[in-house]
Protein backbone atom coordinates (compact mmCIF):
# COMPACT_ATOMS: atom_id res chain seq x y z
CA MET A 1 19.44 10.72 12.96
CA LYS A 2 17.66 8.26 11.78
CA LYS A 3 15.29 7.81 14.72
CA VAL A 4 15.06 11.42 14.64
CA PHE A 5 14.26 10.91 10.19
CA ALA A 6 11.71 7.99 11.42
CA LEU A 7 10.22 10.37 13.71
CA VAL A 8 9.31 13.32 11.36
CA LEU A 9 8.10 10.79 8.39
CA ALA A 10 5.81 8.99 11.01
CA PHE A 11 4.46 12.46 11.95
CA ALA A 12 4.12 13.36 8.49
CA LEU A 13 2.15 10.01 7.58
CA VAL A 14 -0.58 10.55 10.51
CA MET A 15 -0.94 14.17 9.73
CA SER A 16 -1.80 13.34 5.79
CA LEU A 17 -4.42 10.30 6.85
CA GLY A 18 -7.55 11.04 6.52
CA VAL A 19 -9.98 9.97 9.32
CA THR A 20 -11.79 7.34 6.86
CA ALA A 21 -7.79 5.51 6.72
CA PHE A 22 -8.22 4.65 10.13
CA ALA A 23 -11.69 3.09 9.99
CA GLY A 24 -12.13 -0.44 9.88
CA SER A 25 -14.86 -2.71 7.34
CA SER A 26 -15.23 -5.88 6.33
CA GLY A 27 -14.02 -6.94 2.52
CA GLY A 28 -11.39 -7.44 0.56
CA GLY A 29 -8.62 -3.94 0.87
CA ALA A 30 -10.15 -3.00 4.15
CA SER A 31 -7.85 -0.75 6.16
CA SER A 32 -7.26 -1.77 10.26
CA ALA A 33 -5.50 0.36 12.85
CA SER A 34 -1.98 -0.88 14.03
CA THR A 35 -0.30 0.08 17.25
CA VAL A 36 3.68 -0.30 16.33
CA ASP A 37 6.32 1.05 19.28
CA LEU A 38 8.55 3.36 17.35
CA GLY A 39 10.94 3.49 20.55
CA TRP A 40 9.13 6.68 21.23
CA GLY A 41 5.63 5.51 22.54
CA ASP A 42 2.87 3.93 20.79
CA PHE A 43 1.97 4.88 17.35
CA THR A 44 -0.84 4.10 15.55
CA VAL A 45 -1.10 3.57 11.93
CA ALA A 46 -3.42 2.49 9.38
CA LYS A 47 -2.46 -0.91 7.52
CA PRO A 48 -4.69 -1.91 4.62
CA ALA A 49 -5.65 -5.51 4.68
CA PRO A 50 -5.26 -7.83 1.45
CA ALA A 51 -8.66 -9.35 0.33
CA LYS A 52 -9.84 -12.21 2.27
CA ASN A 53 -9.10 -14.75 -0.16
CA GLY A 54 -5.67 -13.70 -1.20
CA MET A 55 -4.71 -12.06 -4.21
CA GLU A 56 -5.29 -12.72 -7.99
CA LEU A 57 -1.99 -12.88 -10.14
CA TYR A 58 -3.10 -12.61 -14.22
CA GLY A 59 -1.49 -13.30 -17.05
CA ALA A 60 -1.32 -10.99 -20.11
CA ASP A 61 -4.59 -12.30 -21.62
CA ASP A 62 -6.13 -11.24 -18.59
CA LYS A 63 -6.93 -14.61 -16.70
CA VAL A 64 -6.17 -15.66 -13.33
CA ILE A 65 -2.56 -17.88 -13.18
CA ALA A 66 -2.37 -17.87 -9.56
CA THR A 67 -3.94 -16.72 -6.11
CA VAL A 68 -1.07 -15.61 -3.37
CA PRO A 69 -2.84 -16.72 0.00
CA GLU A 70 -3.68 -13.86 2.28
CA ASP A 71 -0.93 -14.76 4.64
CA LEU A 72 2.08 -14.48 2.15
CA ILE A 73 1.51 -11.01 1.36
CA ALA A 74 3.62 -8.80 3.12
CA ILE A 75 2.42 -5.42 3.73
CA VAL A 76 4.43 -2.76 5.76
CA PRO A 77 3.51 0.59 6.82
CA VAL A 78 5.94 3.50 6.80
CA ALA A 79 6.35 3.52 10.44
CA GLN A 80 7.62 0.13 9.96
CA ALA A 81 10.27 0.44 7.34
CA ALA A 82 13.14 -0.65 9.56
CA GLU A 83 11.54 -3.99 9.07
CA LEU A 84 12.57 -3.86 5.30
CA ASN A 85 15.95 -4.61 4.25
CA ALA A 86 18.20 -1.67 3.91
CA GLU A 87 18.31 -0.91 -0.14
CA ASP A 88 13.97 -1.49 0.08
CA GLU A 89 13.97 0.72 3.47
CA GLU A 90 15.54 3.39 1.42
CA ALA A 91 13.66 3.44 -1.69
CA PHE A 92 10.58 2.65 0.80
CA LEU A 93 11.42 6.49 2.33
CA ALA A 94 12.36 8.16 -0.69
CA ALA A 95 9.09 7.02 -2.28
CA TYR A 96 7.60 8.08 0.29
CA GLU A 97 9.07 11.38 0.23
CA ASP A 98 8.27 11.60 -3.37
CA ALA A 99 4.06 10.70 -2.94
CA GLN A 100 3.76 13.67 -0.23
CA ALA A 101 5.19 16.26 -2.64
CA VAL A 102 2.53 15.51 -5.54
CA GLU A 103 0.58 18.81 -5.55
CA GLY A 104 -3.43 18.26 -5.24
CA LYS A 105 -3.65 14.84 -3.87
CA VAL A 106 -3.59 13.51 -0.49
CA VAL A 107 -2.36 10.50 0.21
CA LYS A 108 -4.47 8.13 1.60
CA TYR A 109 -2.41 5.09 2.12
CA PHE A 110 0.99 3.94 1.85
CA TYR A 111 2.43 0.86 2.31
CA TRP A 112 5.40 -1.56 1.40
CA ILE A 113 3.74 -4.33 -0.35
CA ASP A 114 5.26 -7.91 -1.48
CA ILE A 115 4.79 -11.63 -2.68
CA PRO A 116 7.03 -14.24 -2.35
CA GLU A 117 9.09 -14.78 -5.40
CA ASP A 118 7.63 -18.33 -6.63
CA TYR A 119 4.70 -16.74 -7.60
CA LYS A 120 6.40 -14.06 -9.74
CA THR A 121 6.78 -16.33 -13.28
CA GLU A 122 7.63 -15.01 -16.67
CA ASP A 123 3.63 -15.46 -17.30
CA PHE A 124 2.94 -12.73 -14.61
CA ALA A 125 1.26 -9.45 -16.06
CA TRP A 126 -0.46 -7.74 -13.06
CA ALA A 127 -1.68 -8.86 -9.72
CA LYS A 128 -5.63 -7.64 -8.66
CA TYR A 129 -5.47 -5.51 -5.47
CA GLU A 130 -8.71 -4.27 -4.22
CA PHE A 131 -8.98 -1.49 -1.80
CA LYS A 132 -11.46 0.95 -0.42
CA CYS A 133 -10.72 4.83 -1.01
CA ALA A 134 -13.06 7.82 -0.05
CA GLY A 135 -12.52 10.78 -2.89
CA GLU A 136 -12.37 11.92 -5.96
CA ASN A 137 -10.06 10.99 -8.96
CA VAL A 138 -8.13 7.61 -7.15
CA GLU A 139 -4.50 7.35 -8.36
CA VAL A 140 -2.44 3.92 -7.61
CA THR A 141 1.09 4.00 -7.94
CA VAL A 142 3.81 1.41 -7.33
CA ASN A 143 7.73 2.76 -6.92
CA GLY A 144 5.81 5.83 -8.34
CA ASN A 145 4.72 4.43 -11.41
CA PRO A 146 1.24 4.78 -12.07
CA MET A 147 -1.15 1.60 -11.97
CA GLU A 148 -4.48 1.41 -13.65
CA VAL A 149 -7.22 1.89 -11.08
CA VAL A 150 -10.61 0.16 -11.93
CA HIS A 151 -13.81 1.72 -10.13
CA VAL A 152 -16.13 -0.99 -9.10
CA ASP A 153 -18.98 0.70 -6.90
CA GLY A 154 -18.72 3.44 -4.10
CA VAL A 155 -15.53 3.52 -2.56
CA ASP A 156 -14.85 -0.21 -3.67
CA TYR A 157 -11.50 0.22 -6.41
CA TYR A 158 -8.68 -2.50 -7.27
CA ALA A 159 -5.60 -1.72 -8.97
CA LYS A 160 -3.31 -3.63 -11.27
CA LEU A 161 -0.27 -3.76 -9.90
CA THR A 162 2.47 -4.52 -12.19
CA GLU A 163 5.16 -4.74 -9.90
CA PHE A 164 5.60 -4.48 -6.11
CA GLY A 165 7.14 -2.16 -3.89
CA ALA A 166 6.01 1.10 -2.36
CA VAL A 167 2.16 1.51 -3.00
CA ALA A 168 0.43 4.94 -2.87
CA ILE A 169 -3.04 5.10 -2.89
CA MET A 170 -3.84 9.11 -3.52
CA CYS A 171 -6.93 11.06 -4.25
CA ASP A 172 -8.22 14.58 -4.90
C-alpha cells in the first residue's frame, strides 16, 4: 500500500512540475535533474541546489550570523521521502498534499530542507534561500507557513526561511 501511495505521489509531482523545473542553470538555487529508483524503475525528478557558497543565516538584526556549507544542507525531493525519519516523512507527504490543493497556484518545487542542529542557535531569525522560479506571484511556504519572498531580478528570488521542513515554491 505504501508503494502504491508513493507511486501516486511521485506521479502527481512529475505531472505538476513545469518544464522549467527540469532546466539546469548555473548559480544559486538552480535545479538539477536527479534520477531515483522507487522500486518500479528509474524516475527523474527536479532537485533544487543550494547556493554555491551555502546558506546564510541571519539574526533578528538582519546581520549574517553563520553560513551553512552546501554539503551540510539536506534537500530531499518527494520521490525520496522514505529517506527521512518516519515522523518527518509523514509530515512531508501531508504537506505535499496540502500544497497540491492550493487553488490557483502551480507547485514548481517541493522538497524537504534542513540544516544541522548546531546552526539553529538562539540568535537565528531566518535563512536566506536563493532559488529561480519562472512565473507570476511567486510564493514560498515551509510546513504550510508562508515565508517572505524577495524578487531579486528576472527569475531570481530568495526566501527568508524562518523554519525548516517541507518547502513549497509556487506561482500562478
